[in-house]
């Protein structure tokens, strides 16, 4: 298992604090695995855009970071559907 293999999953309620919590968490995880500030900002913007397209009051979002085999996968789900999904090579 490499230094970067991990799985992190969190459920976040849409309670007015989602954006701040999501931004903070995303930046922390991506910084931890070695992404530069510009890449972190770009991915954060993409995640927020994915959520905005499907945002609904009172919804619960699942946020998952999975790093394995030199790649990180980020999945944001609402119920049983993905509202954002991407995979990138780790730095």
C-alpha atoms as a PDB file:
ATOM      1  CA  UNK A   1       0.000   0.000   0.000  1.00  0.00           C
ATOM      2  CA  UNK A   2       1.511   3.349  -1.018  1.00  0.00           C
ATOM      3  CA  UNK A   3       1.632   6.498   1.094  1.00  0.00           C
ATOM      4  CA  UNK A   4      -1.427   7.828  -0.759  1.00  0.00           C
ATOM      5  CA  UNK A   5      -3.839   4.874  -0.577  1.00  0.00           C
ATOM      6  CA  UNK A   6      -6.906   5.935   1.381  1.00  0.00           C
ATOM      7  CA  UNK A   7     -10.677   6.215   1.322  1.00  0.00           C
ATOM      8  CA  UNK A   8     -12.508   9.082   3.003  1.00  0.00           C
ATOM      9  CA  UNK A   9     -16.291   9.362   2.932  1.00  0.00           C
ATOM     10  CA  UNK A  10     -18.481  11.979   4.612  1.00  0.00           C
ATOM     11  CA  UNK A  11     -22.180  12.863   4.554  1.00  0.00           C
ATOM     12  CA  UNK A  12     -22.907  16.595   4.606  1.00  0.00           C
ATOM     13  CA  UNK A  13     -26.349  18.128   5.098  1.00  0.00           C
ATOM     14  CA  UNK A  14     -27.343  21.153   3.016  1.00  0.00           C
ATOM     15  CA  UNK A  15     -27.793  23.456   5.978  1.00  0.00           C
ATOM     16  CA  UNK A  16     -26.188  26.673   4.814  1.00  0.00           C
ATOM     17  CA  UNK A  17     -22.684  25.551   5.777  1.00  0.00           C
ATOM     18  CA  UNK A  18     -22.160  23.067   2.948  1.00  0.00           C
ATOM     19  CA  UNK A  19     -20.014  25.378   0.792  1.00  0.00           C
ATOM     20  CA  UNK A  20     -17.617  26.308   3.587  1.00  0.00           C
ATOM     21  CA  UNK A  21     -17.270  22.740   4.869  1.00  0.00           C
ATOM     22  CA  UNK A  22     -16.817  21.351   1.374  1.00  0.00           C
ATOM     23  CA  UNK A  23     -14.186  23.945   0.427  1.00  0.00           C
ATOM     24  CA  UNK A  24     -12.211  23.404   3.615  1.00  0.00           C
ATOM     25  CA  UNK A  25     -12.324  19.637   3.423  1.00  0.00           C
ATOM     26  CA  UNK A  26     -11.465  19.476  -0.275  1.00  0.00           C
ATOM     27  CA  UNK A  27      -8.510  21.829   0.151  1.00  0.00           C
ATOM     28  CA  UNK A  28      -7.195  19.850   3.128  1.00  0.00           C
ATOM     29  CA  UNK A  29      -7.404  16.464   1.418  1.00  0.00           C
ATOM     30  CA  UNK A  30      -5.917  17.679  -1.868  1.00  0.00           C
ATOM     31  CA  UNK A  31      -3.119  19.543  -0.075  1.00  0.00           C
ATOM     32  CA  UNK A  32      -2.379  16.383   1.910  1.00  0.00           C
ATOM     33  CA  UNK A  33      -1.819  14.347  -1.256  1.00  0.00           C
ATOM     34  CA  UNK A  34       0.368  17.055  -2.788  1.00  0.00           C
ATOM     35  CA  UNK A  35      -1.726  19.156  -5.172  1.00  0.00           C
ATOM     36  CA  UNK A  36      -0.704  22.767  -5.831  1.00  0.00           C
ATOM     37  CA  UNK A  37      -2.964  25.665  -4.840  1.00  0.00           C
ATOM     38  CA  UNK A  38      -4.080  26.302  -8.437  1.00  0.00           C
ATOM     39  CA  UNK A  39      -5.147  22.681  -8.935  1.00  0.00           C
ATOM     40  CA  UNK A  40      -6.996  22.714  -5.615  1.00  0.00           C
ATOM     41  CA  UNK A  41      -8.880  25.878  -6.582  1.00  0.00           C
ATOM     42  CA  UNK A  42      -9.776  24.422 -10.001  1.00  0.00           C
ATOM     43  CA  UNK A  43     -11.114  21.161  -8.562  1.00  0.00           C
ATOM     44  CA  UNK A  44     -12.974  23.029  -5.826  1.00  0.00           C
ATOM     45  CA  UNK A  45     -14.699  25.150  -8.457  1.00  0.00           C
ATOM     46  CA  UNK A  46     -15.675  22.071 -10.461  1.00  0.00           C
ATOM     47  CA  UNK A  47     -17.139  20.384  -7.381  1.00  0.00           C
ATOM     48  CA  UNK A  48     -19.154  23.492  -6.437  1.00  0.00           C
ATOM     49  CA  UNK A  49     -20.476  23.765 -10.010  1.00  0.00           C
ATOM     50  CA  UNK A  50     -21.595  20.116  -9.919  1.00  0.00           C
ATOM     51  CA  UNK A  51     -23.475  20.684  -6.682  1.00  0.00           C
ATOM     52  CA  UNK A  52     -25.066  23.928  -7.913  1.00  0.00           C
ATOM     53  CA  UNK A  53     -26.566  22.117 -10.917  1.00  0.00           C
ATOM     54  CA  UNK A  54     -28.470  19.769  -8.615  1.00  0.00           C
ATOM     55  CA  UNK A  55     -28.796  21.723  -5.374  1.00  0.00           C
ATOM     56  CA  UNK A  56     -31.977  21.306  -3.366  1.00  0.00           C
ATOM     57  CA  UNK A  57     -32.840  22.565   0.105  1.00  0.00           C
ATOM     58  CA  UNK A  58     -32.457  19.999   2.853  1.00  0.00           C
ATOM     59  CA  UNK A  59     -30.561  17.540   0.665  1.00  0.00           C
ATOM     60  CA  UNK A  60     -27.776  15.400   2.049  1.00  0.00           C
ATOM     61  CA  UNK A  61     -24.579  15.039   0.044  1.00  0.00           C
ATOM     62  CA  UNK A  62     -22.023  12.264   0.136  1.00  0.00           C
ATOM     63  CA  UNK A  63     -18.408  13.273  -0.467  1.00  0.00           C
ATOM     64  CA  UNK A  64     -15.860  10.598  -1.206  1.00  0.00           C
ATOM     65  CA  UNK A  65     -12.129  10.832  -1.855  1.00  0.00           C
ATOM     66  CA  UNK A  66     -10.485   7.604  -2.949  1.00  0.00           C
ATOM     67  CA  UNK A  67      -6.760   7.487  -3.666  1.00  0.00           C
ATOM     68  CA  UNK A  68      -5.394   4.272  -5.095  1.00  0.00           C
ATOM     69  CA  UNK A  69      -2.802   3.170  -7.620  1.00  0.00           C
ATOM     70  CA  UNK A  70      -1.515   6.686  -8.240  1.00  0.00           C
ATOM     71  CA  UNK A  71      -4.911   8.273  -8.856  1.00  0.00           C
ATOM     72  CA  UNK A  72      -7.459  10.190  -6.798  1.00  0.00           C
ATOM     73  CA  UNK A  73     -11.158   9.855  -7.461  1.00  0.00           C
ATOM     74  CA  UNK A  74     -13.590  12.431  -6.089  1.00  0.00           C
ATOM     75  CA  UNK A  75     -17.299  11.654  -6.024  1.00  0.00           C
ATOM     76  CA  UNK A  76     -20.102  13.874  -4.756  1.00  0.00           C
ATOM     77  CA  UNK A  77     -23.496  12.213  -4.584  1.00  0.00           C
ATOM     78  CA  UNK A  78     -26.982  13.282  -3.666  1.00  0.00           C
ATOM     79  CA  UNK A  79     -29.069  10.300  -2.689  1.00  0.00           C
ATOM     80  CA  UNK A  80     -28.285   7.553  -5.179  1.00  0.00           C
ATOM     81  CA  UNK A  81     -27.008   9.768  -8.008  1.00  0.00           C
ATOM     82  CA  UNK A  82     -23.613  11.323  -8.611  1.00  0.00           C
ATOM     83  CA  UNK A  83     -23.661  15.098  -9.044  1.00  0.00           C
ATOM     84  CA  UNK A  84     -19.903  15.303  -9.596  1.00  0.00           C
ATOM     85  CA  UNK A  85     -17.247  12.730 -10.374  1.00  0.00           C
ATOM     86  CA  UNK A  86     -13.663  13.060 -11.506  1.00  0.00           C
ATOM     87  CA  UNK A  87     -10.409  11.120 -11.369  1.00  0.00           C
ATOM     88  CA  UNK A  88      -6.912  12.540 -11.703  1.00  0.00           C
ATOM     89  CA  UNK A  89      -3.356  11.320 -11.429  1.00  0.00           C
ATOM     90  CA  UNK A  90      -1.792  12.067  -8.079  1.00  0.00           C
ATOM     91  CA  UNK A  91       1.066  14.594  -8.153  1.00  0.00           C
END
